[in-house]
Amino acid sequence: MASGPGEGLKMLNPIELLALQNVSLTKAKKSILSEINLSIRTGERIAIIGPNGAGKSSLLRVLAQSSPFMGQR
């Protein structure tokens, strides 16, 4: 029986790959992101979903460090 990538593996001590704490982003006096907290650990899969204009691309720009923001990365 075939298994997918990572199937059957158990992470004993997942490593935090990325963390955001209280991140906010404002553009043209409009709040785009407000006090976002995010933690991604090894072995986790995430999806960023939401309606148009919800801030998905802005969040990805913050993660890529191509957009200035307030908070901790």
C-alpha atoms as a PDB file:
ATOM      1  CA  MET A   1       0.000   0.000   0.000  1.00  0.00           C
ATOM      2  CA  ALA A   2       1.416   3.400  -0.996  1.00  0.00           C
ATOM      3  CA  SER A   3       1.565   6.243   1.465  1.00  0.00           C
ATOM      4  CA  GLY A   4       1.922   9.984   1.001  1.00  0.00           C
ATOM      5  CA  PRO A   5       4.864  12.171   2.052  1.00  0.00           C
ATOM      6  CA  GLY A   6       5.270  12.241   5.800  1.00  0.00           C
ATOM      7  CA  GLU A   7       2.496   9.724   6.343  1.00  0.00           C
ATOM      8  CA  GLY A   8       3.152   7.567   9.358  1.00  0.00           C
ATOM      9  CA  LEU A   9       5.870   9.889  10.680  1.00  0.00           C
ATOM     10  CA  LYS A  10       5.441  11.382  14.110  1.00  0.00           C
ATOM     11  CA  MET A  11       7.265  14.558  15.137  1.00  0.00           C
ATOM     12  CA  LEU A  12       8.411  14.169  18.741  1.00  0.00           C
ATOM     13  CA  ASN A  13       9.651  17.746  19.127  1.00  0.00           C
ATOM     14  CA  PRO A  14       8.263  19.934  16.353  1.00  0.00           C
ATOM     15  CA  ILE A  15      10.439  22.927  15.554  1.00  0.00           C
ATOM     16  CA  GLU A  16       8.825  26.342  15.209  1.00  0.00           C
ATOM     17  CA  LEU A  17       9.609  27.442  11.662  1.00  0.00           C
ATOM     18  CA  LEU A  18       7.812  30.758  11.751  1.00  0.00           C
ATOM     19  CA  ALA A  19       6.061  32.879  14.352  1.00  0.00           C
ATOM     20  CA  LEU A  20       4.247  36.202  14.292  1.00  0.00           C
ATOM     21  CA  GLN A  21       3.206  37.976  17.487  1.00  0.00           C
ATOM     22  CA  ASN A  22       0.700  40.836  17.544  1.00  0.00           C
ATOM     23  CA  VAL A  23       1.462  41.833  13.950  1.00  0.00           C
ATOM     24  CA  SER A  24      -0.508  44.754  12.551  1.00  0.00           C
ATOM     25  CA  LEU A  25      -0.351  46.350   9.121  1.00  0.00           C
ATOM     26  CA  THR A  26      -1.866  49.669   8.109  1.00  0.00           C
ATOM     27  CA  LYS A  27      -1.927  51.158   4.595  1.00  0.00           C
ATOM     28  CA  ALA A  28      -3.258  54.627   3.790  1.00  0.00           C
ATOM     29  CA  LYS A  29      -4.683  54.908   7.325  1.00  0.00           C
ATOM     30  CA  LYS A  30      -6.669  51.667   6.798  1.00  0.00           C
ATOM     31  CA  SER A  31      -6.065  48.667   9.070  1.00  0.00           C
ATOM     32  CA  ILE A  32      -5.243  45.664   6.868  1.00  0.00           C
ATOM     33  CA  LEU A  33      -4.071  43.233   9.589  1.00  0.00           C
ATOM     34  CA  SER A  34      -4.749  43.709  13.276  1.00  0.00           C
ATOM     35  CA  GLU A  35      -2.784  41.923  16.011  1.00  0.00           C
ATOM     36  CA  ILE A  36      -2.219  38.683  14.064  1.00  0.00           C
ATOM     37  CA  ASN A  37      -0.646  35.754  15.933  1.00  0.00           C
ATOM     38  CA  LEU A  38       0.636  32.800  13.932  1.00  0.00           C
ATOM     39  CA  SER A  39       2.918  29.867  14.635  1.00  0.00           C
ATOM     40  CA  ILE A  40       3.932  27.261  12.061  1.00  0.00           C
ATOM     41  CA  ARG A  41       5.839  24.162  13.163  1.00  0.00           C
ATOM     42  CA  THR A  42       7.551  21.382  11.234  1.00  0.00           C
ATOM     43  CA  GLY A  43       5.107  18.882   9.818  1.00  0.00           C
ATOM     44  CA  GLU A  44       2.169  21.314   9.807  1.00  0.00           C
ATOM     45  CA  ARG A  45       0.268  22.295   6.695  1.00  0.00           C
ATOM     46  CA  ILE A  46      -1.653  25.530   6.566  1.00  0.00           C
ATOM     47  CA  ALA A  47      -4.066  27.248   4.198  1.00  0.00           C
ATOM     48  CA  ILE A  48      -4.725  30.972   4.016  1.00  0.00           C
ATOM     49  CA  ILE A  49      -8.331  31.493   2.974  1.00  0.00           C
ATOM     50  CA  GLY A  50     -10.728  34.406   2.951  1.00  0.00           C
ATOM     51  CA  PRO A  51     -12.713  36.692   0.690  1.00  0.00           C
ATOM     52  CA  ASN A  52     -11.146  39.202  -1.691  1.00  0.00           C
ATOM     53  CA  GLY A  53      -9.641  42.118   0.199  1.00  0.00           C
ATOM     54  CA  ALA A  54      -9.350  40.234   3.498  1.00  0.00           C
ATOM     55  CA  GLY A  55      -5.551  40.666   3.710  1.00  0.00           C
ATOM     56  CA  LYS A  56      -4.266  37.268   2.507  1.00  0.00           C
ATOM     57  CA  SER A  57      -1.683  38.736   0.128  1.00  0.00           C
ATOM     58  CA  SER A  58      -0.712  41.360   2.702  1.00  0.00           C
ATOM     59  CA  LEU A  59      -0.072  38.598   5.243  1.00  0.00           C
ATOM     60  CA  LEU A  60       2.121  36.754   2.739  1.00  0.00           C
ATOM     61  CA  ARG A  61       4.072  39.973   2.073  1.00  0.00           C
ATOM     62  CA  VAL A  62       4.671  40.353   5.824  1.00  0.00           C
ATOM     63  CA  LEU A  63       5.838  36.728   5.998  1.00  0.00           C
ATOM     64  CA  ALA A  64       8.205  37.371   3.075  1.00  0.00           C
ATOM     65  CA  GLN A  65       9.449  40.530   4.827  1.00  0.00           C
ATOM     66  CA  SER A  66       8.573  42.662   1.810  1.00  0.00           C
ATOM     67  CA  SER A  67       6.059  44.823   3.698  1.00  0.00           C
ATOM     68  CA  PRO A  68       6.766  46.893   6.822  1.00  0.00           C
ATOM     69  CA  PHE A  69       4.624  46.010   9.840  1.00  0.00           C
ATOM     70  CA  MET A  70       4.280  46.521  13.586  1.00  0.00           C
ATOM     71  CA  GLY A  71       4.852  43.530  15.882  1.00  0.00           C
ATOM     72  CA  GLN A  72       7.352  40.714  16.164  1.00  0.00           C
ATOM     73  CA  ARG A  73       8.399  38.176  13.580  1.00  0.00           C
END
